[in-house]
Amino acid sequence: MKSYKEYHSIIKEARDAYIWDTKPKTLKDAEDPEIQVSGFPRMLLSQYKAQFVRASEDFLKWAKGGDYEWIENKMSSYHGLLEGIQEIEKQMSKPAWKKKITMLKRQGK
């Protein structure tokens, strides 16, 4: 039988999110990087945020319609998307990523 720590590490790995191109060539690529969230296709961060907004609107429609079982079924992927966006924003707020953005601004790219 697996311990709690083993299950926790499996769950944490399942929610893995990372920046696909860690060496952006333009300022636009650095500010809106292509990212990978486990369980979802590789897309731009802005596309993930738009997908999250659409999912939130869908939850509202389902709640108004009383379709709570469908909401419960979709909640895991919705939460995974939220965690992925938060993880990427945390990575982008680190000094190393901010330095990349500053360097690209100075180069005028």
PDB file of N, CA and C in Angstrom:
ATOM      1  N   MET A   1       0.843  -1.180   0.000  1.00  0.00           N
ATOM      2  CA  MET A   1       0.000   0.000   0.000  1.00  0.00           C
ATOM      3  C   MET A   1       0.890   1.245   0.000  1.00  0.00           C
ATOM      4  N   LYS A   2       0.486   2.250  -0.779  1.00  0.00           N
ATOM      5  CA  LYS A   2       1.265   3.474  -0.881  1.00  0.00           C
ATOM      6  C   LYS A   2       0.965   4.398   0.296  1.00  0.00           C
ATOM      7  N   SER A   3       1.986   5.145   0.667  1.00  0.00           N
ATOM      8  CA  SER A   3       1.822   6.093   1.765  1.00  0.00           C
ATOM      9  C   SER A   3       1.227   7.400   1.235  1.00  0.00           C
ATOM     10  N   TYR A   4       0.865   8.253   2.168  1.00  0.00           N
ATOM     11  CA  TYR A   4       0.301   9.549   1.813  1.00  0.00           C
ATOM     12  C   TYR A   4       1.278  10.360   0.969  1.00  0.00           C
ATOM     13  N   LYS A   5       2.551  10.338   1.337  1.00  0.00           N
ATOM     14  CA  LYS A   5       3.555  11.117   0.608  1.00  0.00           C
ATOM     15  C   LYS A   5       3.677  10.648  -0.836  1.00  0.00           C
ATOM     16  N   GLU A   6       3.573   9.340  -1.055  1.00  0.00           N
ATOM     17  CA  GLU A   6       3.656   8.817  -2.422  1.00  0.00           C
ATOM     18  C   GLU A   6       2.460   9.289  -3.251  1.00  0.00           C
ATOM     19  N   TYR A   7       1.263   9.217  -2.678  1.00  0.00           N
ATOM     20  CA  TYR A   7       0.080   9.697  -3.385  1.00  0.00           C
ATOM     21  C   TYR A   7       0.143  11.202  -3.629  1.00  0.00           C
ATOM     22  N   HIS A   8       0.631  11.941  -2.651  1.00  0.00           N
ATOM     23  CA  HIS A   8       0.740  13.389  -2.799  1.00  0.00           C
ATOM     24  C   HIS A   8       1.700  13.749  -3.938  1.00  0.00           C
ATOM     25  N   SER A   9       2.816  13.029  -4.045  1.00  0.00           N
ATOM     26  CA  SER A   9       3.765  13.316  -5.122  1.00  0.00           C
ATOM     27  C   SER A   9       3.173  12.959  -6.483  1.00  0.00           C
ATOM     28  N   ILE A  10       2.370  11.903  -6.549  1.00  0.00           N
ATOM     29  CA  ILE A  10       1.723  11.532  -7.807  1.00  0.00           C
ATOM     30  C   ILE A  10       0.740  12.619  -8.229  1.00  0.00           C
ATOM     31  N   ILE A  11      -0.042  13.111  -7.292  1.00  0.00           N
ATOM     32  CA  ILE A  11      -1.008  14.173  -7.590  1.00  0.00           C
ATOM     33  C   ILE A  11      -0.284  15.438  -8.016  1.00  0.00           C
ATOM     34  N   LYS A  12       0.805  15.781  -7.343  1.00  0.00           N
ATOM     35  CA  LYS A  12       1.553  16.988  -7.669  1.00  0.00           C
ATOM     36  C   LYS A  12       2.142  16.890  -9.072  1.00  0.00           C
ATOM     37  N   GLU A  13       2.656  15.719  -9.441  1.00  0.00           N
ATOM     38  CA  GLU A  13       3.208  15.529 -10.782  1.00  0.00           C
ATOM     39  C   GLU A  13       2.116  15.638 -11.838  1.00  0.00           C
ATOM     40  N   ALA A  14       0.925  15.183 -11.513  1.00  0.00           N
ATOM     41  CA  ALA A  14      -0.177  15.229 -12.464  1.00  0.00           C
ATOM     42  C   ALA A  14      -0.582  16.662 -12.780  1.00  0.00           C
ATOM     43  N   ARG A  15      -0.320  17.591 -11.892  1.00  0.00           N
ATOM     44  CA  ARG A  15      -0.684  18.992 -12.084  1.00  0.00           C
ATOM     45  C   ARG A  15       0.520  19.819 -12.536  1.00  0.00           C
ATOM     46  N   ASP A  16       1.478  19.181 -13.155  1.00  0.00           N
ATOM     47  CA  ASP A  16       2.703  19.848 -13.559  1.00  0.00           C
ATOM     48  C   ASP A  16       2.431  20.870 -14.661  1.00  0.00           C
ATOM     49  N   ALA A  17       3.055  22.022 -14.557  1.00  0.00           N
ATOM     50  CA  ALA A  17       2.932  23.075 -15.565  1.00  0.00           C
ATOM     51  C   ALA A  17       4.296  23.724 -15.736  1.00  0.00           C
ATOM     52  N   TYR A  18       4.657  24.004 -16.978  1.00  0.00           N
ATOM     53  CA  TYR A  18       5.950  24.629 -17.218  1.00  0.00           C
ATOM     54  C   TYR A  18       5.918  25.458 -18.494  1.00  0.00           C
ATOM     55  N   ILE A  19       6.867  26.369 -18.572  1.00  0.00           N
ATOM     56  CA  ILE A  19       7.018  27.216 -19.753  1.00  0.00           C
ATOM     57  C   ILE A  19       7.761  26.397 -20.798  1.00  0.00           C
ATOM     58  N   TRP A  20       7.188  26.302 -21.991  1.00  0.00           N
ATOM     59  CA  TRP A  20       7.735  25.437 -23.036  1.00  0.00           C
ATOM     60  C   TRP A  20       9.070  25.985 -23.571  1.00  0.00           C
ATOM     61  N   ASP A  21       9.084  27.237 -23.955  1.00  0.00           N
ATOM     62  CA  ASP A  21      10.307  27.849 -24.492  1.00  0.00           C
ATOM     63  C   ASP A  21      10.914  28.745 -23.420  1.00  0.00           C
ATOM     64  N   THR A  22      11.961  28.264 -22.774  1.00  0.00           N
ATOM     65  CA  THR A  22      12.555  29.021 -21.675  1.00  0.00           C
ATOM     66  C   THR A  22      13.541  30.087 -22.159  1.00  0.00           C
ATOM     67  N   LYS A  23      13.756  30.170 -23.468  1.00  0.00           N
ATOM     68  CA  LYS A  23      14.643  31.199 -24.022  1.00  0.00           C
ATOM     69  C   LYS A  23      13.892  31.972 -25.104  1.00  0.00           C
ATOM     70  N   PRO A  24      12.968  32.841 -24.690  1.00  0.00           N
ATOM     71  CA  PRO A  24      12.176  33.589 -25.675  1.00  0.00           C
ATOM     72  C   PRO A  24      13.049  34.534 -26.496  1.00  0.00           C
ATOM     73  N   LYS A  25      12.667  34.697 -27.753  1.00  0.00           N
ATOM     74  CA  LYS A  25      13.443  35.546 -28.661  1.00  0.00           C
ATOM     75  C   LYS A  25      12.857  36.947 -28.800  1.00  0.00           C
ATOM     76  N   THR A  26      11.574  37.102 -28.468  1.00  0.00           N
ATOM     77  CA  THR A  26      10.937  38.411 -28.552  1.00  0.00           C
ATOM     78  C   THR A  26      10.256  38.738 -27.225  1.00  0.00           C
ATOM     79  N   LEU A  27       9.987  40.006 -27.024  1.00  0.00           N
ATOM     80  CA  LEU A  27       9.311  40.461 -25.812  1.00  0.00           C
ATOM     81  C   LEU A  27       7.908  39.859 -25.718  1.00  0.00           C
ATOM     82  N   LYS A  28       7.228  39.772 -26.863  1.00  0.00           N
ATOM     83  CA  LYS A  28       5.882  39.194 -26.887  1.00  0.00           C
ATOM     84  C   LYS A  28       5.913  37.737 -26.402  1.00  0.00           C
ATOM     85  N   ASP A  29       6.925  36.982 -26.851  1.00  0.00           N
ATOM     86  CA  ASP A  29       7.054  35.582 -26.424  1.00  0.00           C
ATOM     87  C   ASP A  29       7.341  35.474 -24.929  1.00  0.00           C
ATOM     88  N   ALA A  30       8.049  36.443 -24.381  1.00  0.00           N
ATOM     89  CA  ALA A  30       8.387  36.412 -22.955  1.00  0.00           C
ATOM     90  C   ALA A  30       7.188  36.800 -22.086  1.00  0.00           C
ATOM     91  N   GLU A  31       6.396  37.746 -22.558  1.00  0.00           N
ATOM     92  CA  GLU A  31       5.253  38.204 -21.772  1.00  0.00           C
ATOM     93  C   GLU A  31       4.041  37.277 -21.886  1.00  0.00           C
ATOM     94  N   ASP A  32       3.941  36.545 -22.990  1.00  0.00           N
ATOM     95  CA  ASP A  32       2.849  35.597 -23.208  1.00  0.00           C
ATOM     96  C   ASP A  32       3.449  34.295 -23.741  1.00  0.00           C
ATOM     97  N   PRO A  33       4.134  33.544 -22.854  1.00  0.00           N
ATOM     98  CA  PRO A  33       4.858  32.366 -23.323  1.00  0.00           C
ATOM     99  C   PRO A  33       3.946  31.191 -23.670  1.00  0.00           C
ATOM    100  N   GLU A  34       4.489  30.309 -24.499  1.00  0.00           N
ATOM    101  CA  GLU A  34       3.806  29.058 -24.784  1.00  0.00           C
ATOM    102  C   GLU A  34       4.064  28.132 -23.599  1.00  0.00           C
ATOM    103  N   ILE A  35       2.997  27.566 -23.053  1.00  0.00           N
ATOM    104  CA  ILE A  35       3.143  26.760 -21.845  1.00  0.00           C
ATOM    105  C   ILE A  35       2.515  25.387 -22.037  1.00  0.00           C
ATOM    106  N   GLN A  36       2.895  24.469 -21.176  1.00  0.00           N
ATOM    107  CA  GLN A  36       2.335  23.123 -21.162  1.00  0.00           C
ATOM    108  C   GLN A  36       1.811  22.836 -19.770  1.00  0.00           C
ATOM    109  N   VAL A  37       0.548  22.512 -19.678  1.00  0.00           N
ATOM    110  CA  VAL A  37      -0.072  22.092 -18.425  1.00  0.00           C
ATOM    111  C   VAL A  37      -0.476  20.639 -18.632  1.00  0.00           C
ATOM    112  N   SER A  38      -0.080  19.776 -17.722  1.00  0.00           N
ATOM    113  CA  SER A  38      -0.388  18.357 -17.859  1.00  0.00           C
ATOM    114  C   SER A  38      -1.887  18.143 -18.017  1.00  0.00           C
ATOM    115  N   GLY A  39      -2.237  17.357 -19.024  1.00  0.00           N
ATOM    116  CA  GLY A  39      -3.634  17.063 -19.291  1.00  0.00           C
ATOM    117  C   GLY A  39      -4.274  18.014 -20.283  1.00  0.00           C
ATOM    118  N   PHE A  40      -3.539  19.027 -20.726  1.00  0.00           N
ATOM    119  CA  PHE A  40      -4.046  20.001 -21.677  1.00  0.00           C
ATOM    120  C   PHE A  40      -3.026  20.177 -22.798  1.00  0.00           C
ATOM    121  N   PRO A  41      -3.453  20.672 -23.966  1.00  0.00           N
ATOM    122  CA  PRO A  41      -2.498  20.897 -25.060  1.00  0.00           C
ATOM    123  C   PRO A  41      -1.581  22.087 -24.768  1.00  0.00           C
ATOM    124  N   ARG A  42      -0.501  22.168 -25.513  1.00  0.00           N
ATOM    125  CA  ARG A  42       0.431  23.285 -25.363  1.00  0.00           C
ATOM    126  C   ARG A  42      -0.167  24.512 -26.049  1.00  0.00           C
ATOM    127  N   MET A  43      -0.295  25.607 -25.278  1.00  0.00           N
ATOM    128  CA  MET A  43      -0.892  26.842 -25.788  1.00  0.00           C
ATOM    129  C   MET A  43      -0.210  28.043 -25.141  1.00  0.00           C
ATOM    130  N   LEU A  44      -0.563  29.223 -25.648  1.00  0.00           N
ATOM    131  CA  LEU A  44      -0.086  30.459 -25.034  1.00  0.00           C
ATOM    132  C   LEU A  44      -0.793  30.663 -23.708  1.00  0.00           C
ATOM    133  N   LEU A  45      -0.133  31.367 -22.795  1.00  0.00           N
ATOM    134  CA  LEU A  45      -0.724  31.652 -21.491  1.00  0.00           C
ATOM    135  C   LEU A  45      -2.050  32.400 -21.647  1.00  0.00           C
ATOM    136  N   SER A  46      -2.113  33.346 -22.575  1.00  0.00           N
ATOM    137  CA  SER A  46      -3.355  34.099 -22.791  1.00  0.00           C
ATOM    138  C   SER A  46      -4.484  33.180 -23.251  1.00  0.00           C
ATOM    139  N   GLN A  47      -4.165  32.152 -24.024  1.00  0.00           N
ATOM    140  CA  GLN A  47      -5.185  31.210 -24.469  1.00  0.00           C
ATOM    141  C   GLN A  47      -5.695  30.369 -23.298  1.00  0.00           C
ATOM    142  N   TYR A  48      -4.794  29.983 -22.398  1.00  0.00           N
ATOM    143  CA  TYR A  48      -5.216  29.246 -21.201  1.00  0.00           C
ATOM    144  C   TYR A  48      -6.132  30.098 -20.331  1.00  0.00           C
ATOM    145  N   LYS A  49      -5.796  31.373 -20.182  1.00  0.00           N
ATOM    146  CA  LYS A  49      -6.640  32.258 -19.377  1.00  0.00           C
ATOM    147  C   LYS A  49      -8.013  32.428 -20.009  1.00  0.00           C
ATOM    148  N   ALA A  50      -8.066  32.543 -21.333  1.00  0.00           N
ATOM    149  CA  ALA A  50      -9.351  32.654 -22.019  1.00  0.00           C
ATOM    150  C   ALA A  50     -10.159  31.363 -21.859  1.00  0.00           C
ATOM    151  N   GLN A  51      -9.489  30.228 -21.922  1.00  0.00           N
ATOM    152  CA  GLN A  51     -10.172  28.947 -21.730  1.00  0.00           C
ATOM    153  C   GLN A  51     -10.724  28.837 -20.311  1.00  0.00           C
ATOM    154  N   PHE A  52      -9.987  29.357 -19.338  1.00  0.00           N
ATOM    155  CA  PHE A  52     -10.447  29.333 -17.950  1.00  0.00           C
ATOM    156  C   PHE A  52     -11.702  30.195 -17.777  1.00  0.00           C
ATOM    157  N   VAL A  53     -11.723  31.347 -18.436  1.00  0.00           N
ATOM    158  CA  VAL A  53     -12.893  32.229 -18.376  1.00  0.00           C
ATOM    159  C   VAL A  53     -14.101  31.538 -19.008  1.00  0.00           C
ATOM    160  N   ARG A  54     -13.893  30.892 -20.173  1.00  0.00           N
ATOM    161  CA  ARG A  54     -14.994  30.173 -20.825  1.00  0.00           C
ATOM    162  C   ARG A  54     -15.524  29.047 -19.933  1.00  0.00           C
ATOM    163  N   ALA A  55     -14.608  28.334 -19.272  1.00  0.00           N
ATOM    164  CA  ALA A  55     -15.019  27.248 -18.377  1.00  0.00           C
ATOM    165  C   ALA A  55     -15.826  27.804 -17.206  1.00  0.00           C
ATOM    166  N   SER A  56     -15.419  28.958 -16.696  1.00  0.00           N
ATOM    167  CA  SER A  56     -16.162  29.586 -15.589  1.00  0.00           C
ATOM    168  C   SER A  56     -17.573  29.942 -16.027  1.00  0.00           C
ATOM    169  N   GLU A  57     -17.706  30.469 -17.250  1.00  0.00           N
ATOM    170  CA  GLU A  57     -19.029  30.809 -17.777  1.00  0.00           C
ATOM    171  C   GLU A  57     -19.881  29.551 -17.965  1.00  0.00           C
ATOM    172  N   ASP A  58     -19.234  28.457 -18.397  1.00  0.00           N
ATOM    173  CA  ASP A  58     -19.959  27.193 -18.545  1.00  0.00           C
ATOM    174  C   ASP A  58     -20.473  26.692 -17.201  1.00  0.00           C
ATOM    175  N   PHE A  59     -19.657  26.818 -16.164  1.00  0.00           N
ATOM    176  CA  PHE A  59     -20.098  26.409 -14.827  1.00  0.00           C
ATOM    177  C   PHE A  59     -21.330  27.202 -14.391  1.00  0.00           C
ATOM    178  N   LEU A  60     -21.339  28.476 -14.703  1.00  0.00           N
ATOM    179  CA  LEU A  60     -22.492  29.310 -14.368  1.00  0.00           C
ATOM    180  C   LEU A  60     -23.749  28.810 -15.083  1.00  0.00           C
ATOM    181  N   LYS A  61     -23.626  28.494 -16.379  1.00  0.00           N
ATOM    182  CA  LYS A  61     -24.767  27.984 -17.136  1.00  0.00           C
ATOM    183  C   LYS A  61     -25.261  26.666 -16.552  1.00  0.00           C
ATOM    184  N   TRP A  62     -24.340  25.770 -16.240  1.00  0.00           N
ATOM    185  CA  TRP A  62     -24.716  24.460 -15.704  1.00  0.00           C
ATOM    186  C   TRP A  62     -25.378  24.610 -14.331  1.00  0.00           C
ATOM    187  N   ALA A  63     -24.867  25.548 -13.523  1.00  0.00           N
ATOM    188  CA  ALA A  63     -25.456  25.762 -12.194  1.00  0.00           C
ATOM    189  C   ALA A  63     -26.870  26.317 -12.318  1.00  0.00           C
ATOM    190  N   LYS A  64     -27.066  27.250 -13.238  1.00  0.00           N
ATOM    191  CA  LYS A  64     -28.401  27.804 -13.442  1.00  0.00           C
ATOM    192  C   LYS A  64     -29.370  26.735 -13.939  1.00  0.00           C
ATOM    193  N   GLY A  65     -28.837  25.787 -14.717  1.00  0.00           N
ATOM    194  CA  GLY A  65     -29.664  24.702 -15.237  1.00  0.00           C
ATOM    195  C   GLY A  65     -29.843  23.552 -14.252  1.00  0.00           C
ATOM    196  N   GLY A  66     -29.136  23.612 -13.119  1.00  0.00           N
ATOM    197  CA  GLY A  66     -29.264  22.570 -12.105  1.00  0.00           C
ATOM    198  C   GLY A  66     -28.498  21.298 -12.426  1.00  0.00           C
ATOM    199  N   ASP A  67     -27.513  21.381 -13.313  1.00  0.00           N
ATOM    200  CA  ASP A  67     -26.747  20.199 -13.737  1.00  0.00           C
ATOM    201  C   ASP A  67     -25.499  20.044 -12.871  1.00  0.00           C
ATOM    202  N   TYR A  68     -25.700  19.743 -11.608  1.00  0.00           N
ATOM    203  CA  TYR A  68     -24.604  19.703 -10.643  1.00  0.00           C
ATOM    204  C   TYR A  68     -23.695  18.492 -10.816  1.00  0.00           C
ATOM    205  N   GLU A  69     -24.216  17.398 -11.337  1.00  0.00           N
ATOM    206  CA  GLU A  69     -23.375  16.222 -11.570  1.00  0.00           C
ATOM    207  C   GLU A  69     -22.339  16.519 -12.647  1.00  0.00           C
ATOM    208  N   TRP A  70     -22.740  17.237 -13.686  1.00  0.00           N
ATOM    209  CA  TRP A  70     -21.809  17.592 -14.756  1.00  0.00           C
ATOM    210  C   TRP A  70     -20.722  18.532 -14.213  1.00  0.00           C
ATOM    211  N   ILE A  71     -21.102  19.443 -13.345  1.00  0.00           N
ATOM    212  CA  ILE A  71     -20.136  20.350 -12.725  1.00  0.00           C
ATOM    213  C   ILE A  71     -19.115  19.542 -11.920  1.00  0.00           C
ATOM    214  N   GLU A  72     -19.613  18.591 -11.163  1.00  0.00           N
ATOM    215  CA  GLU A  72     -18.712  17.761 -10.360  1.00  0.00           C
ATOM    216  C   GLU A  72     -17.741  16.981 -11.245  1.00  0.00           C
ATOM    217  N   ASN A  73     -18.221  16.487 -12.394  1.00  0.00           N
ATOM    218  CA  ASN A  73     -17.354  15.747 -13.312  1.00  0.00           C
ATOM    219  C   ASN A  73     -16.262  16.638 -13.902  1.00  0.00           C
ATOM    220  N   LYS A  74     -16.579  17.879 -14.171  1.00  0.00           N
ATOM    221  CA  LYS A  74     -15.631  18.801 -14.811  1.00  0.00           C
ATOM    222  C   LYS A  74     -14.747  19.547 -13.819  1.00  0.00           C
ATOM    223  N   MET A  75     -15.050  19.473 -12.542  1.00  0.00           N
ATOM    224  CA  MET A  75     -14.334  20.251 -11.530  1.00  0.00           C
ATOM    225  C   MET A  75     -12.843  19.921 -11.477  1.00  0.00           C
ATOM    226  N   SER A  76     -12.469  18.681 -11.657  1.00  0.00           N
ATOM    227  CA  SER A  76     -11.062  18.283 -11.580  1.00  0.00           C
ATOM    228  C   SER A  76     -10.231  18.955 -12.677  1.00  0.00           C
ATOM    229  N   SER A  77     -10.730  18.946 -13.910  1.00  0.00           N
ATOM    230  CA  SER A  77      -9.974  19.575 -14.989  1.00  0.00           C
ATOM    231  C   SER A  77      -9.948  21.089 -14.822  1.00  0.00           C
ATOM    232  N   TYR A  78     -11.040  21.664 -14.334  1.00  0.00           N
ATOM    233  CA  TYR A  78     -11.110  23.098 -14.080  1.00  0.00           C
ATOM    234  C   TYR A  78     -10.069  23.498 -13.033  1.00  0.00           C
ATOM    235  N   HIS A  79      -9.995  22.720 -11.976  1.00  0.00           N
ATOM    236  CA  HIS A  79      -9.032  22.994 -10.912  1.00  0.00           C
ATOM    237  C   HIS A  79      -7.595  22.803 -11.421  1.00  0.00           C
ATOM    238  N   GLY A  80      -7.377  21.796 -12.257  1.00  0.00           N
ATOM    239  CA  GLY A  80      -6.052  21.578 -12.841  1.00  0.00           C
ATOM    240  C   GLY A  80      -5.617  22.743 -13.703  1.00  0.00           C
ATOM    241  N   LEU A  81      -6.556  23.299 -14.452  1.00  0.00           N
ATOM    242  CA  LEU A  81      -6.262  24.455 -15.288  1.00  0.00           C
ATOM    243  C   LEU A  81      -5.898  25.663 -14.429  1.00  0.00           C
ATOM    244  N   LEU A  82      -6.645  25.876 -13.357  1.00  0.00           N
ATOM    245  CA  LEU A  82      -6.365  26.977 -12.432  1.00  0.00           C
ATOM    246  C   LEU A  82      -4.979  26.820 -11.805  1.00  0.00           C
ATOM    247  N   GLU A  83      -4.665  25.619 -11.331  1.00  0.00           N
ATOM    248  CA  GLU A  83      -3.351  25.387 -10.723  1.00  0.00           C
ATOM    249  C   GLU A  83      -2.230  25.598 -11.736  1.00  0.00           C
ATOM    250  N   GLY A  84      -2.453  25.182 -12.974  1.00  0.00           N
ATOM    251  CA  GLY A  84      -1.444  25.373 -14.017  1.00  0.00           C
ATOM    252  C   GLY A  84      -1.165  26.842 -14.282  1.00  0.00           C
ATOM    253  N   ILE A  85      -2.215  27.638 -14.390  1.00  0.00           N
ATOM    254  CA  ILE A  85      -2.056  29.077 -14.618  1.00  0.00           C
ATOM    255  C   ILE A  85      -1.324  29.714 -13.440  1.00  0.00           C
ATOM    256  N   GLN A  86      -1.697  29.340 -12.227  1.00  0.00           N
ATOM    257  CA  GLN A  86      -1.038  29.897 -11.044  1.00  0.00           C
ATOM    258  C   GLN A  86       0.439  29.514 -11.006  1.00  0.00           C
ATOM    259  N   GLU A  87       0.769  28.294 -11.374  1.00  0.00           N
ATOM    260  CA  GLU A  87       2.165  27.842 -11.373  1.00  0.00           C
ATOM    261  C   GLU A  87       2.991  28.628 -12.392  1.00  0.00           C
ATOM    262  N   ILE A  88       2.435  28.845 -13.572  1.00  0.00           N
ATOM    263  CA  ILE A  88       3.154  29.606 -14.606  1.00  0.00           C
ATOM    264  C   ILE A  88       3.349  31.052 -14.169  1.00  0.00           C
ATOM    265  N   GLU A  89       2.330  31.651 -13.579  1.00  0.00           N
ATOM    266  CA  GLU A  89       2.478  33.029 -13.109  1.00  0.00           C
ATOM    267  C   GLU A  89       3.520  33.121 -12.000  1.00  0.00           C
ATOM    268  N   LYS A  90       3.615  32.084 -11.183  1.00  0.00           N
ATOM    269  CA  LYS A  90       4.637  32.053 -10.139  1.00  0.00           C
ATOM    270  C   LYS A  90       6.032  31.974 -10.781  1.00  0.00           C
ATOM    271  N   GLN A  91       6.175  31.145 -11.816  1.00  0.00           N
ATOM    272  CA  GLN A  91       7.461  31.037 -12.505  1.00  0.00           C
ATOM    273  C   GLN A  91       7.832  32.346 -13.196  1.00  0.00           C
ATOM    274  N   MET A  92       6.837  33.025 -13.750  1.00  0.00           N
ATOM    275  CA  MET A  92       7.094  34.283 -14.454  1.00  0.00           C
ATOM    276  C   MET A  92       7.404  35.434 -13.502  1.00  0.00           C
ATOM    277  N   SER A  93       7.060  35.299 -12.237  1.00  0.00           N
ATOM    278  CA  SER A  93       7.340  36.369 -11.282  1.00  0.00           C
ATOM    279  C   SER A  93       8.729  36.234 -10.651  1.00  0.00           C
ATOM    280  N   LYS A  94       9.442  35.167 -10.982  1.00  0.00           N
ATOM    281  CA  LYS A  94      10.786  34.978 -10.438  1.00  0.00           C
ATOM    282  C   LYS A  94      11.756  35.944 -11.111  1.00  0.00           C
ATOM    283  N   PRO A  95      12.796  36.329 -10.392  1.00  0.00           N
ATOM    284  CA  PRO A  95      13.764  37.288 -10.943  1.00  0.00           C
ATOM    285  C   PRO A  95      14.398  36.855 -12.265  1.00  0.00           C
ATOM    286  N   ALA A  96      14.634  35.579 -12.450  1.00  0.00           N
ATOM    287  CA  ALA A  96      15.268  35.106 -13.682  1.00  0.00           C
ATOM    288  C   ALA A  96      14.394  35.403 -14.899  1.00  0.00           C
ATOM    289  N   TRP A  97      13.091  35.200 -14.774  1.00  0.00           N
ATOM    290  CA  TRP A  97      12.201  35.471 -15.902  1.00  0.00           C
ATOM    291  C   TRP A  97      12.033  36.971 -16.120  1.00  0.00           C
ATOM    292  N   LYS A  98      11.973  37.733 -15.042  1.00  0.00           N
ATOM    293  CA  LYS A  98      11.873  39.185 -15.160  1.00  0.00           C
ATOM    294  C   LYS A  98      13.115  39.760 -15.834  1.00  0.00           C
ATOM    295  N   LYS A  99      14.257  39.156 -15.559  1.00  0.00           N
ATOM    296  CA  LYS A  99      15.505  39.593 -16.190  1.00  0.00           C
ATOM    297  C   LYS A  99      15.439  39.360 -17.699  1.00  0.00           C
ATOM    298  N   LYS A 100      14.881  38.241 -18.122  1.00  0.00           N
ATOM    299  CA  LYS A 100      14.743  37.962 -19.554  1.00  0.00           C
ATOM    300  C   LYS A 100      13.880  39.020 -20.218  1.00  0.00           C
ATOM    301  N   ILE A 101      12.797  39.399 -19.562  1.00  0.00           N
ATOM    302  CA  ILE A 101      11.908  40.429 -20.128  1.00  0.00           C
ATOM    303  C   ILE A 101      12.630  41.759 -20.216  1.00  0.00           C
ATOM    304  N   THR A 102      13.365  42.120 -19.184  1.00  0.00           N
ATOM    305  CA  THR A 102      14.118  43.376 -19.172  1.00  0.00           C
ATOM    306  C   THR A 102      15.166  43.391 -20.280  1.00  0.00           C
ATOM    307  N   MET A 103      15.873  42.293 -20.452  1.00  0.00           N
ATOM    308  CA  MET A 103      16.917  42.212 -21.492  1.00  0.00           C
ATOM    309  C   MET A 103      16.296  42.351 -22.894  1.00  0.00           C
ATOM    310  N   LEU A 104      15.152  41.730 -23.119  1.00  0.00           N
ATOM    311  CA  LEU A 104      14.487  41.840 -24.407  1.00  0.00           C
ATOM    312  C   LEU A 104      13.983  43.262 -24.656  1.00  0.00           C
ATOM    313  N   LYS A 105      13.517  43.937 -23.610  1.00  0.00           N
ATOM    314  CA  LYS A 105      13.083  45.333 -23.742  1.00  0.00           C
ATOM    315  C   LYS A 105      14.256  46.213 -24.127  1.00  0.00           C
ATOM    316  N   ARG A 106      15.395  45.994 -23.493  1.00  0.00           N
ATOM    317  CA  ARG A 106      16.580  46.798 -23.795  1.00  0.00           C
ATOM    318  C   ARG A 106      17.078  46.556 -25.218  1.00  0.00           C
ATOM    319  N   GLN A 107      16.925  45.328 -25.696  1.00  0.00           N
ATOM    320  CA  GLN A 107      17.370  45.012 -27.055  1.00  0.00           C
ATOM    321  C   GLN A 107      16.375  45.497 -28.104  1.00  0.00           C
ATOM    322  N   GLY A 108      15.192  45.868 -27.649  1.00  0.00           N
ATOM    323  CA  GLY A 108      14.165  46.369 -28.574  1.00  0.00           C
ATOM    324  C   GLY A 108      13.535  45.286 -29.413  1.00  0.00           C
ATOM    325  N   LYS A 109      13.469  44.075 -28.893  1.00  0.00           N
ATOM    326  CA  LYS A 109      12.899  42.960 -29.680  1.00  0.00           C
ATOM    327  C   LYS A 109      11.447  42.818 -29.420  1.00  0.00           C
TER     328      LYS A 109
END
